[in-house]
Protein backbone atom coordinates (compact mmCIF):
# COMPACT_ATOMS: atom_id res chain seq x y z
CA MET A 1 -26.67 26.40 17.06
CA ILE A 2 -22.97 27.09 16.74
CA ALA A 3 -22.41 30.23 14.76
CA GLU A 4 -21.23 29.78 11.21
CA THR A 5 -17.66 30.90 10.67
CA ARG A 6 -15.84 31.97 7.58
CA THR A 7 -13.13 29.37 8.03
CA PRO A 8 -11.97 28.51 4.52
CA VAL A 9 -12.78 25.03 3.35
CA ALA A 10 -11.41 22.89 0.59
CA ASP A 11 -12.72 23.61 -2.87
CA THR A 12 -15.26 20.85 -3.48
CA THR A 13 -15.38 21.73 -7.17
CA ALA A 14 -11.80 20.56 -7.56
CA ALA A 15 -10.98 17.94 -10.14
CA PRO A 16 -12.06 14.45 -9.05
CA ALA A 17 -8.50 13.14 -8.92
CA ARG A 18 -7.42 15.91 -6.56
CA LEU A 19 -10.50 15.58 -4.35
CA GLY A 20 -10.19 11.80 -4.31
CA LEU A 21 -6.61 11.90 -3.04
CA GLN A 22 -7.60 13.96 0.00
CA LEU A 23 -9.23 10.89 1.56
CA PRO A 24 -6.13 8.64 1.51
CA ALA A 25 -3.98 11.62 2.50
CA LEU A 26 -6.06 12.08 5.68
CA ALA A 27 -6.52 8.34 6.33
CA LEU A 28 -2.85 7.34 6.13
CA GLY A 29 -2.04 8.81 9.53
CA PHE A 30 -4.74 6.70 11.17
CA VAL A 31 -3.64 3.67 9.15
CA MET A 32 -0.06 4.10 10.33
CA ALA A 33 -1.05 4.49 13.98
CA THR A 34 -3.46 1.53 13.79
CA LEU A 35 -0.95 -0.72 12.07
CA ASP A 36 1.71 0.22 14.59
CA THR A 37 -0.50 -0.72 17.55
CA THR A 38 -1.77 -4.03 16.19
CA ILE A 39 1.56 -5.09 14.71
CA ALA A 40 3.43 -4.32 17.94
CA ASN A 41 1.09 -6.58 19.92
CA VAL A 42 2.34 -9.72 18.13
CA ALA A 43 6.03 -8.82 18.44
CA GLY A 44 6.25 -8.97 22.26
CA PRO A 45 8.34 -12.14 22.60
CA SER A 46 10.77 -11.04 19.87
CA LEU A 47 11.16 -7.61 21.49
CA ARG A 48 11.92 -9.15 24.87
CA SER A 49 14.54 -11.53 23.52
CA GLY A 50 16.02 -9.03 21.08
CA LEU A 51 16.69 -6.34 23.68
CA GLY A 52 16.91 -8.48 26.82
CA MET A 53 13.81 -6.71 28.09
CA SER A 54 11.90 -7.41 31.30
CA LEU A 55 8.14 -7.92 31.30
CA SER A 56 7.76 -4.48 32.88
CA GLY A 57 9.86 -2.97 30.11
CA LEU A 58 7.75 -4.68 27.47
CA THR A 59 4.61 -3.33 29.15
CA TRP A 60 5.96 0.19 28.78
CA VAL A 61 6.84 -0.35 25.14
CA MET A 62 3.15 -1.07 24.57
CA SER A 63 1.57 1.33 27.06
CA GLY A 64 3.97 4.29 26.78
CA TYR A 65 2.51 5.05 23.38
CA VAL A 66 -1.03 5.13 24.80
CA LEU A 67 0.05 7.28 27.74
CA ALA A 68 1.62 9.97 25.56
CA PHE A 69 -1.19 9.83 23.01
CA ALA A 70 -4.05 10.20 25.49
CA SER A 71 -2.28 12.85 27.59
CA LEU A 72 -1.47 15.23 24.73
CA LEU A 73 -4.73 15.12 22.77
CA LEU A 74 -6.30 18.28 24.20
CA LEU A 75 -3.11 20.27 23.69
CA ALA A 76 -2.82 18.96 20.14
CA GLY A 77 -6.40 19.97 19.35
CA SER A 78 -5.75 23.52 20.54
CA LEU A 79 -2.52 23.71 18.56
CA ALA A 80 -4.41 22.73 15.40
CA GLY A 81 -6.97 25.46 16.07
CA ARG A 82 -4.31 28.10 16.66
CA HIS A 83 -1.57 27.25 14.13
CA GLY A 84 -3.53 25.60 11.32
CA ALA A 85 -4.73 22.00 11.09
CA ARG A 86 -2.68 21.06 8.03
CA ARG A 87 0.54 22.35 9.59
CA VAL A 88 -0.08 20.38 12.80
CA TYR A 89 -1.14 17.29 10.84
CA LEU A 90 2.10 17.35 8.85
CA ALA A 91 4.13 17.90 12.04
CA GLY A 92 2.45 14.92 13.67
CA LEU A 93 3.05 12.67 10.68
CA GLY A 94 6.68 13.75 10.50
CA LEU A 95 7.25 13.16 14.22
CA PHE A 96 5.55 9.76 14.15
CA THR A 97 7.56 8.66 11.10
CA ALA A 98 10.87 9.83 12.58
CA ALA A 99 10.05 8.18 15.92
CA SER A 100 9.30 4.93 14.08
CA VAL A 101 12.79 4.97 12.58
CA LEU A 102 14.20 5.60 16.06
CA CYS A 103 12.20 2.61 17.36
CA ALA A 104 13.68 0.40 14.64
CA ALA A 105 17.21 1.56 15.45
CA ALA A 106 16.86 1.40 19.26
CA PRO A 107 19.95 -0.28 20.77
CA VAL A 108 18.46 -0.70 24.27
CA ALA A 109 15.03 -0.92 25.87
CA GLY A 110 15.13 2.62 27.28
CA VAL A 111 15.58 4.16 23.84
CA LEU A 112 12.71 2.10 22.48
CA VAL A 113 10.37 3.25 25.27
CA ALA A 114 11.36 6.89 24.66
CA ALA A 115 10.74 6.49 20.93
CA ARG A 116 7.31 4.98 21.64
CA LEU A 117 6.47 8.05 23.74
CA LEU A 118 7.42 10.22 20.75
CA GLN A 119 5.20 8.10 18.51
CA GLY A 120 2.30 8.74 20.89
CA ALA A 121 2.98 12.48 20.76
CA GLY A 122 2.99 12.38 16.96
CA ALA A 123 -0.31 10.49 16.86
CA ALA A 124 -1.85 13.01 19.25
CA LEU A 125 -0.91 15.79 16.82
CA PHE A 126 -2.25 14.29 13.63
CA MET A 127 -5.46 12.58 14.81
CA PRO A 128 -7.54 15.65 15.91
CA SER A 129 -6.25 17.79 13.06
CA SER A 130 -7.22 15.13 10.52
CA LEU A 131 -10.88 15.54 11.55
CA THR A 132 -10.65 19.30 11.06
CA LEU A 133 -9.21 18.80 7.59
CA LEU A 134 -11.80 16.16 6.72
CA LEU A 135 -14.64 18.48 7.72
CA ALA A 136 -13.13 21.26 5.60
CA ALA A 137 -12.53 19.04 2.59
CA PHE A 138 -16.06 17.59 2.61
CA PRO A 139 -18.42 20.24 4.02
CA ASP A 140 -21.59 18.69 2.58
CA SER A 141 -23.10 16.40 5.25
CA ARG A 142 -24.27 13.73 2.80
CA GLU A 143 -20.93 13.55 1.04
CA ARG A 144 -19.16 13.54 4.40
CA ALA A 145 -21.19 10.50 5.51
CA ARG A 146 -19.93 8.56 2.49
CA VAL A 147 -16.36 9.68 3.07
CA LEU A 148 -16.45 8.88 6.81
CA GLY A 149 -17.64 5.36 6.02
CA LEU A 150 -14.85 4.81 3.51
CA TRP A 151 -12.31 6.40 5.86
CA SER A 152 -13.35 4.09 8.68
CA ALA A 153 -13.23 1.11 6.33
CA ILE A 154 -9.63 1.91 5.39
CA VAL A 155 -8.63 2.10 9.06
CA SER A 156 -10.57 -1.07 9.93
CA THR A 157 -8.79 -2.93 7.16
CA ALA A 158 -5.46 -1.86 8.62
CA ALA A 159 -6.56 -3.08 12.06
CA GLY A 160 -7.68 -6.40 10.62
CA VAL A 161 -4.50 -7.15 8.67
CA GLY A 162 -2.18 -5.78 11.38
CA PRO A 163 -1.65 -8.98 13.40
CA ALA A 164 -1.10 -11.13 10.29
CA LEU A 165 1.24 -8.56 8.75
CA GLY A 166 3.12 -8.20 12.03
CA GLY A 167 3.60 -11.94 12.34
CA ALA A 168 4.90 -12.18 8.78
CA LEU A 169 7.31 -9.25 9.23
CA VAL A 170 8.69 -10.52 12.53
CA GLY A 171 9.11 -14.02 11.14
CA ALA A 172 10.88 -12.87 7.97
CA PHE A 173 12.84 -9.79 9.03
CA GLY A 174 12.82 -9.53 12.84
CA TRP A 175 11.10 -7.15 15.24
CA ARG A 176 12.72 -3.98 13.88
CA SER A 177 10.77 -4.37 10.63
CA ILE A 178 7.44 -3.69 12.38
CA PHE A 179 8.54 -0.10 12.94
CA LEU A 180 10.27 0.37 9.59
CA ILE A 181 6.99 -0.41 7.81
CA ASN A 182 5.82 3.02 9.01
CA LEU A 183 8.51 4.77 6.97
CA PRO A 184 6.94 4.32 3.48
CA VAL A 185 3.42 4.84 4.87
CA GLY A 186 4.44 8.02 6.68
CA LEU A 187 6.33 9.44 3.71
CA ALA A 188 3.38 8.73 1.41
CA GLY A 189 1.07 10.50 3.87
CA LEU A 190 3.36 13.52 4.05
CA VAL A 191 3.60 13.84 0.26
CA LEU A 192 -0.14 13.42 -0.31
CA ALA A 193 -1.09 15.84 2.46
CA ARG A 194 1.29 18.52 1.21
CA ARG A 195 -0.01 18.24 -2.34
CA HIS A 196 -3.71 17.54 -1.94
CA VAL A 197 -4.95 18.83 1.44
CA THR A 198 -6.00 22.47 1.76
CA GLU A 199 -4.96 24.33 4.90
CA VAL A 200 -7.56 25.43 7.43
CA PRO A 201 -6.02 28.63 8.85
CA GLY A 202 -5.61 28.93 12.59
CA ARG A 203 -7.22 31.53 14.78
CA PRO A 204 -4.98 33.84 16.81
CA GLY A 205 -5.41 33.71 20.55
CA ALA A 206 -3.88 32.60 23.80
CA LEU A 207 -3.04 28.90 24.02
CA GLY A 208 -4.02 28.61 27.68
CA VAL A 209 -0.83 26.95 28.89
CA GLY A 210 -2.03 26.66 32.49
CA GLY A 211 -5.23 24.90 31.48
CA HIS A 212 -3.41 22.55 29.15
CA ALA A 213 -0.89 21.71 31.87
CA LEU A 214 -3.74 20.72 34.20
CA GLY A 215 -5.49 18.76 31.46
CA LEU A 216 -2.29 16.95 30.57
CA LEU A 217 -1.65 16.13 34.23
CA ALA A 218 -5.19 14.79 34.68
CA LEU A 219 -5.07 12.61 31.57
CA ALA A 220 -1.53 11.41 32.27
CA GLY A 221 -2.31 10.54 35.89
CA LEU A 222 -5.47 8.65 34.95
CA SER A 223 -3.80 6.81 32.06
CA TYR A 224 -0.77 5.87 34.18
CA GLY A 225 -2.94 4.58 37.00
CA LEU A 226 -5.12 2.50 34.67
CA ILE A 227 -2.09 1.08 32.84
CA GLN A 228 -0.17 0.20 36.01
CA GLY A 229 -3.17 -0.95 38.07
CA PRO A 230 -3.35 -4.54 36.77
CA GLU A 231 0.42 -5.03 37.18
CA ALA A 232 1.23 -3.12 40.39
CA GLY A 233 -2.11 -3.69 42.14
CA TRP A 234 -4.97 -1.24 42.50
CA THR A 235 -4.09 -0.45 46.11
CA SER A 236 -0.40 0.19 45.50
CA PRO A 237 0.82 3.69 46.47
CA VAL A 238 1.96 4.55 42.95
CA VAL A 239 -1.44 3.68 41.43
CA LEU A 240 -3.48 5.40 44.15
CA GLY A 241 -1.17 8.41 43.97
CA SER A 242 -1.48 8.76 40.19
CA LEU A 243 -5.28 8.45 40.34
CA ALA A 244 -5.39 11.06 43.12
CA VAL A 245 -3.29 13.40 41.00
CA ALA A 246 -5.70 12.84 38.11
CA VAL A 247 -8.73 13.73 40.23
CA LEU A 248 -7.13 16.85 41.73
CA ALA A 249 -5.89 18.04 38.34
CA ALA A 250 -9.31 17.43 36.76
CA VAL A 251 -11.03 19.45 39.50
CA ALA A 252 -8.52 22.28 39.06
CA PHE A 253 -8.97 22.11 35.26
CA GLY A 254 -12.75 22.40 35.62
CA ALA A 255 -12.44 25.34 38.02
CA ARG A 256 -10.05 27.13 35.69
CA GLU A 257 -12.30 26.54 32.68
CA ARG A 258 -15.27 28.10 34.46
CA ARG A 259 -13.29 31.25 35.33
CA SER A 260 -11.23 31.67 32.18
CA ALA A 261 -12.21 33.90 29.28
CA GLN A 262 -10.08 31.72 26.96
CA ARG A 263 -11.37 28.21 27.58
CA ILE A 264 -9.64 25.10 26.27
CA VAL A 265 -13.04 23.64 25.32
CA PRO A 266 -15.30 26.51 24.17
CA ALA A 267 -18.42 27.15 26.25
CA GLU A 268 -20.75 26.89 23.25
CA LEU A 269 -19.34 23.44 22.49
CA ILE A 270 -19.83 22.17 26.04
CA ALA A 271 -23.38 23.57 25.99
CA ASP A 272 -24.28 21.52 22.91
CA SER A 273 -25.82 18.20 23.97
CA ARG A 274 -24.52 16.57 20.77
CA PHE A 275 -20.93 17.22 21.82
CA ARG A 276 -21.51 15.90 25.34
CA ALA A 277 -23.38 12.88 24.02
CA ALA A 278 -20.69 12.03 21.45
CA GLY A 279 -18.01 12.19 24.16
CA LEU A 280 -19.93 9.84 26.46
CA ILE A 281 -20.69 7.47 23.59
CA GLY A 282 -17.00 7.42 22.67
CA PHE A 283 -16.10 6.33 26.21
CA LEU A 284 -18.82 3.65 26.33
CA PHE A 285 -18.00 2.44 22.82
CA ASN A 286 -14.32 1.86 23.51
CA PHE A 287 -15.03 0.48 26.99
CA ALA A 288 -17.11 -2.29 25.44
CA LEU A 289 -15.14 -2.79 22.23
CA TYR A 290 -11.56 -2.92 23.47
CA GLY A 291 -12.40 -4.40 26.85
CA GLY A 292 -14.35 -7.09 25.01
CA MET A 293 -11.59 -7.77 22.47
CA PHE A 294 -9.13 -8.22 25.33
CA ALA A 295 -11.46 -10.68 27.11
CA LEU A 296 -12.42 -12.60 23.97
CA ALA A 297 -8.80 -13.22 22.96
CA LEU A 298 -8.15 -14.75 26.39
CA PHE A 299 -11.45 -16.67 26.36
CA PHE A 300 -10.84 -18.38 23.03
CA GLN A 301 -7.39 -19.49 24.14
CA GLN A 302 -7.89 -20.29 27.83
CA ALA A 303 -11.47 -21.56 27.88
CA ARG A 304 -11.82 -23.11 24.43
CA GLY A 305 -8.25 -24.32 23.94
CA ALA A 306 -7.33 -22.41 20.78
CA GLY A 307 -3.73 -21.43 20.08
CA PRO A 308 -2.83 -17.81 19.32
CA VAL A 309 -3.03 -18.29 15.55
CA VAL A 310 -6.33 -20.19 15.68
CA ALA A 311 -7.79 -17.64 18.12
CA GLY A 312 -6.87 -14.84 15.73
CA LEU A 313 -8.51 -16.69 12.83
CA GLU A 314 -11.63 -17.32 14.91
CA LEU A 315 -11.96 -13.59 15.58
CA LEU A 316 -11.27 -12.65 11.94
CA PRO A 317 -14.84 -13.08 10.57
CA ALA A 318 -16.19 -10.65 13.15
CA GLN A 319 -13.46 -8.14 12.27
CA LEU A 320 -14.33 -8.37 8.58
CA VAL A 321 -18.01 -7.71 9.32
CA TRP A 322 -16.90 -4.54 11.12
CA LEU A 323 -15.49 -3.40 7.78
CA VAL A 324 -18.87 -4.15 6.13
CA GLY A 325 -20.54 -1.96 8.76
CA ASN A 326 -18.19 0.92 7.94
CA VAL A 327 -19.18 0.75 4.27
CA LEU A 328 -22.87 0.34 5.15
CA TYR A 329 -22.71 3.60 7.10
CA SER A 330 -21.86 5.39 3.85
CA ARG A 331 -25.47 4.71 2.80
CA LEU A 332 -27.23 4.77 6.17
CA GLY A 333 -25.58 7.99 7.32
CA ARG A 334 -26.79 9.85 4.26
CA ARG A 335 -30.32 8.44 4.39
CA LEU A 336 -31.06 8.22 8.11
CA GLY A 337 -28.69 10.75 9.70
CA ASN A 338 -26.10 10.11 12.37
CA ARG A 339 -28.53 10.09 15.29
CA THR A 340 -30.73 7.30 13.91
CA ALA A 341 -27.79 5.32 12.50
CA LEU A 342 -25.91 5.49 15.81
CA THR A 343 -28.92 4.67 17.99
CA ALA A 344 -29.98 1.69 15.85
CA SER A 345 -26.48 0.28 15.37
CA LEU A 346 -25.56 0.39 19.06
CA GLY A 347 -28.98 -1.06 19.88
CA LEU A 348 -28.23 -3.97 17.53
CA ALA A 349 -24.83 -4.49 19.19
CA ALA A 350 -26.46 -4.45 22.64
CA ALA A 351 -29.10 -7.01 21.59
CA GLY A 352 -26.46 -9.36 20.20
CA MET A 353 -24.34 -9.04 23.32
CA LEU A 354 -27.35 -9.78 25.52
CA VAL A 355 -27.99 -13.03 23.64
CA LEU A 356 -24.36 -14.03 24.13
CA ALA A 357 -24.42 -13.12 27.82
CA LEU A 358 -27.52 -15.26 28.43
CA THR A 359 -26.59 -18.29 26.31
CA ILE A 360 -22.80 -18.70 26.37
CA SER A 361 -21.82 -22.18 27.58
CA PRO A 362 -19.24 -24.93 26.87
CA ALA A 363 -21.84 -26.61 24.65
CA MET A 364 -22.23 -23.61 22.32
CA PRO A 365 -20.51 -24.37 18.99
CA TYR A 366 -18.03 -21.91 17.54
CA TRP A 367 -20.22 -21.05 14.54
CA VAL A 368 -23.00 -19.75 16.81
CA ILE A 369 -20.53 -17.51 18.65
CA ALA A 370 -19.12 -16.33 15.31
CA VAL A 371 -22.57 -15.46 13.92
CA LEU A 372 -23.52 -13.52 17.03
CA LEU A 373 -20.18 -11.66 17.04
CA ALA A 374 -20.69 -10.83 13.35
CA VAL A 375 -24.12 -9.31 14.08
CA ILE A 376 -22.66 -7.33 16.97
CA ASN A 377 -19.75 -6.04 14.92
CA LEU A 378 -22.03 -5.07 12.06
CA GLY A 379 -23.59 -2.62 14.49
CA VAL A 380 -20.19 -1.57 15.83
CA GLY A 381 -18.96 -0.95 12.28
CA VAL A 382 -21.83 1.45 11.61
CA ALA A 383 -21.57 3.13 15.01
CA SER A 384 -17.89 4.08 14.75
CA PRO A 385 -18.16 6.55 11.81
CA ALA A 386 -21.66 7.64 12.91
CA MET A 387 -20.21 8.71 16.26
CA THR A 388 -17.52 10.75 14.52
CA GLY A 389 -20.08 12.24 12.14
CA ALA A 390 -22.31 13.32 15.04
CA LEU A 391 -19.38 14.99 16.74
CA MET A 392 -18.40 16.87 13.57
CA GLU A 393 -21.98 18.11 13.15
CA ALA A 394 -21.84 19.52 16.67
CA ALA A 395 -18.39 21.07 16.35
CA GLY A 396 -18.55 22.65 12.92
CA PRO A 397 -15.41 23.96 11.23
CA ALA A 398 -14.60 26.37 14.08
CA HIS A 399 -14.13 23.73 16.79
CA ALA A 400 -13.42 20.50 14.91
CA GLY A 401 -9.85 20.19 16.21
CA ILE A 402 -10.56 20.45 19.93
CA ALA A 403 -13.77 18.40 19.54
CA GLY A 404 -11.86 15.61 17.81
CA ALA A 405 -9.22 15.75 20.53
CA SER A 406 -11.86 15.48 23.25
CA LEU A 407 -13.54 12.52 21.56
CA ASN A 408 -10.24 10.67 21.12
CA ALA A 409 -9.28 11.35 24.74
CA ASN A 410 -12.62 9.94 25.92
CA ARG A 411 -12.18 6.90 23.70
CA GLN A 412 -8.64 6.20 24.90
CA ILE A 413 -9.70 6.43 28.54
CA GLY A 414 -12.65 4.17 27.72
CA SER A 415 -10.28 1.57 26.29
CA LEU A 416 -8.04 1.66 29.36
CA VAL A 417 -10.98 1.46 31.78
CA GLY A 418 -12.59 -1.32 29.75
CA ILE A 419 -9.47 -3.49 29.73
CA ALA A 420 -8.91 -2.89 33.45
CA VAL A 421 -12.53 -3.73 34.35
CA MET A 422 -12.75 -6.82 32.13
CA SER A 423 -9.43 -8.07 33.51
CA ALA A 424 -10.70 -7.63 37.06
CA VAL A 425 -13.96 -9.44 36.23
CA LEU A 426 -12.21 -12.42 34.66
CA SER A 427 -9.69 -12.74 37.50
CA GLY A 428 -12.35 -12.31 40.18
CA THR A 429 -14.88 -14.80 38.79
CA SER A 430 -14.76 -18.55 39.39
CA GLY A 431 -14.58 -20.19 35.97
CA TRP A 432 -14.14 -18.84 32.46
CA TYR A 433 -17.75 -19.16 31.36
CA PRO A 434 -19.31 -17.26 34.28
CA GLY A 435 -16.55 -14.67 33.83
CA ILE A 436 -17.09 -14.18 30.12
CA ALA A 437 -20.88 -14.04 30.66
CA MET A 438 -20.30 -11.15 33.09
CA VAL A 439 -18.04 -9.46 30.52
CA PHE A 440 -20.76 -9.80 27.88
CA ALA A 441 -23.31 -8.35 30.33
CA LEU A 442 -21.10 -5.30 30.91
CA MET A 443 -20.67 -4.87 27.16
CA THR A 444 -24.45 -5.11 26.73
CA ALA A 445 -24.95 -2.37 29.30
CA ALA A 446 -22.31 -0.13 27.66
CA TYR A 447 -23.72 -0.49 24.13
CA ALA A 448 -27.30 -0.01 25.38
CA ALA A 449 -26.28 3.11 27.33
CA GLY A 450 -24.57 4.42 24.20
CA SER A 451 -27.70 3.83 22.13
CA LEU A 452 -29.88 5.62 24.70
CA THR A 453 -27.40 8.49 24.92
CA GLY A 454 -27.50 8.87 21.16
CA ARG A 455 -31.28 8.89 21.14
CA LEU A 456 -31.60 11.51 23.88
CA GLY A 457 -28.47 13.60 23.36
CA LEU A 458 -28.05 13.94 19.59
CA ARG A 459 -31.03 16.18 18.94
CA ALA A 460 -29.85 18.86 16.52
CA GLY A 461 -28.88 22.09 18.19
CA HIS A 462 -30.06 21.04 21.68
CA ARG A 463 -28.23 23.16 24.23
CA ALA A 464 -28.12 23.39 27.97
CA SER A 465 -30.63 25.80 29.46
CA GLY A 466 -29.40 29.29 30.08
CA VAL A 467 -26.81 29.23 27.29
CA PRO A 468 -27.79 31.51 24.43
CA GLU A 469 -27.70 30.43 20.81
CA SER A 470 -24.86 32.12 18.97
């Protein structure tokens, strides 16, 4: 087991009002980042016309954020561990909010892309540190299960209303309003965090600049290659070159980690099977979820003839059930534990996907698809906070920041790989229905692999052989 530390935690005997405000204070950063992503997706045409932007420029407005976010996560997790999670969380919120104002004021496309990169950097700072602060504020595992479910439900609600809110803002006030909406949310988050979130002091030590530079290069190269692959072609020199850089940097990062006394990811964390399992599950989860969402949006419009608005409404019931799953985890996580909740929920999602993969056809009515998607997303809604809870159990207060950063990095890469793979499957298959059946089969395999990984890898305190308990 990971040794207990004397890292101060929030006073859980605080007055209910003070304790209750810690949850929205730590959720608002995620809400802001989620809203920004989903709202921006519906503003593409307005952005292009408003700034005279090319399709390539628009792609970088959307993907530049992901590139910066994924690349800087490991560095941000280490900064939270060294300088204090609350300080880094506030810095991330402040940077994201300021960058949002810069996005809204951007006179040309280049400024907007640069501001989106800054937004990604801000999100990278506040996301891992928020998990550290959440673990400190709610140290009791049963209470934390309830809070994680509510926290996930708040974020899921933001994701669900994002497209509708974005459409309304763009229609009424223009594309700049989708970035200005972050200003009141960000300011509220800053005020609440300053007043109601207790600092988790950092631990002195070397930052490991060389290791972080290699990690950043590996994540940036991989993200860039996956983002540009569908547009530039997977055999283009720039894509192959960026993927080669990612592989070489990852190998160098691994070699440095084995030799270094000050590792970026602590040895005792890597040795814990729960940490390794949660990271793999995060990749598989996002591979299936975001790759599937990308494919389903195209399928409803291209194969079943729905317009963008109707397609969004057809996906809405499944998104709302995801929210129900988040709240359900608040009970299941406390009663069953994260391992059982995660294994069962991903197993349910895999079973539902398998039925869709085997039965999807032009004759299948919409309501049958909607019911099956609702069952699948009920499992997904439970799995999302259960995965985070399992990771936090493995990390403990000492390593929550870097563990959260690692999980988010795995999830972001999973999303990019999932979208790239599903896009390749749809474009390489003759006909929409055979293509979507193959997509559903891949999603089935990913959810089933995640369930099996949870069953085998989330045994409490299970460590690799030869690594002593500390």
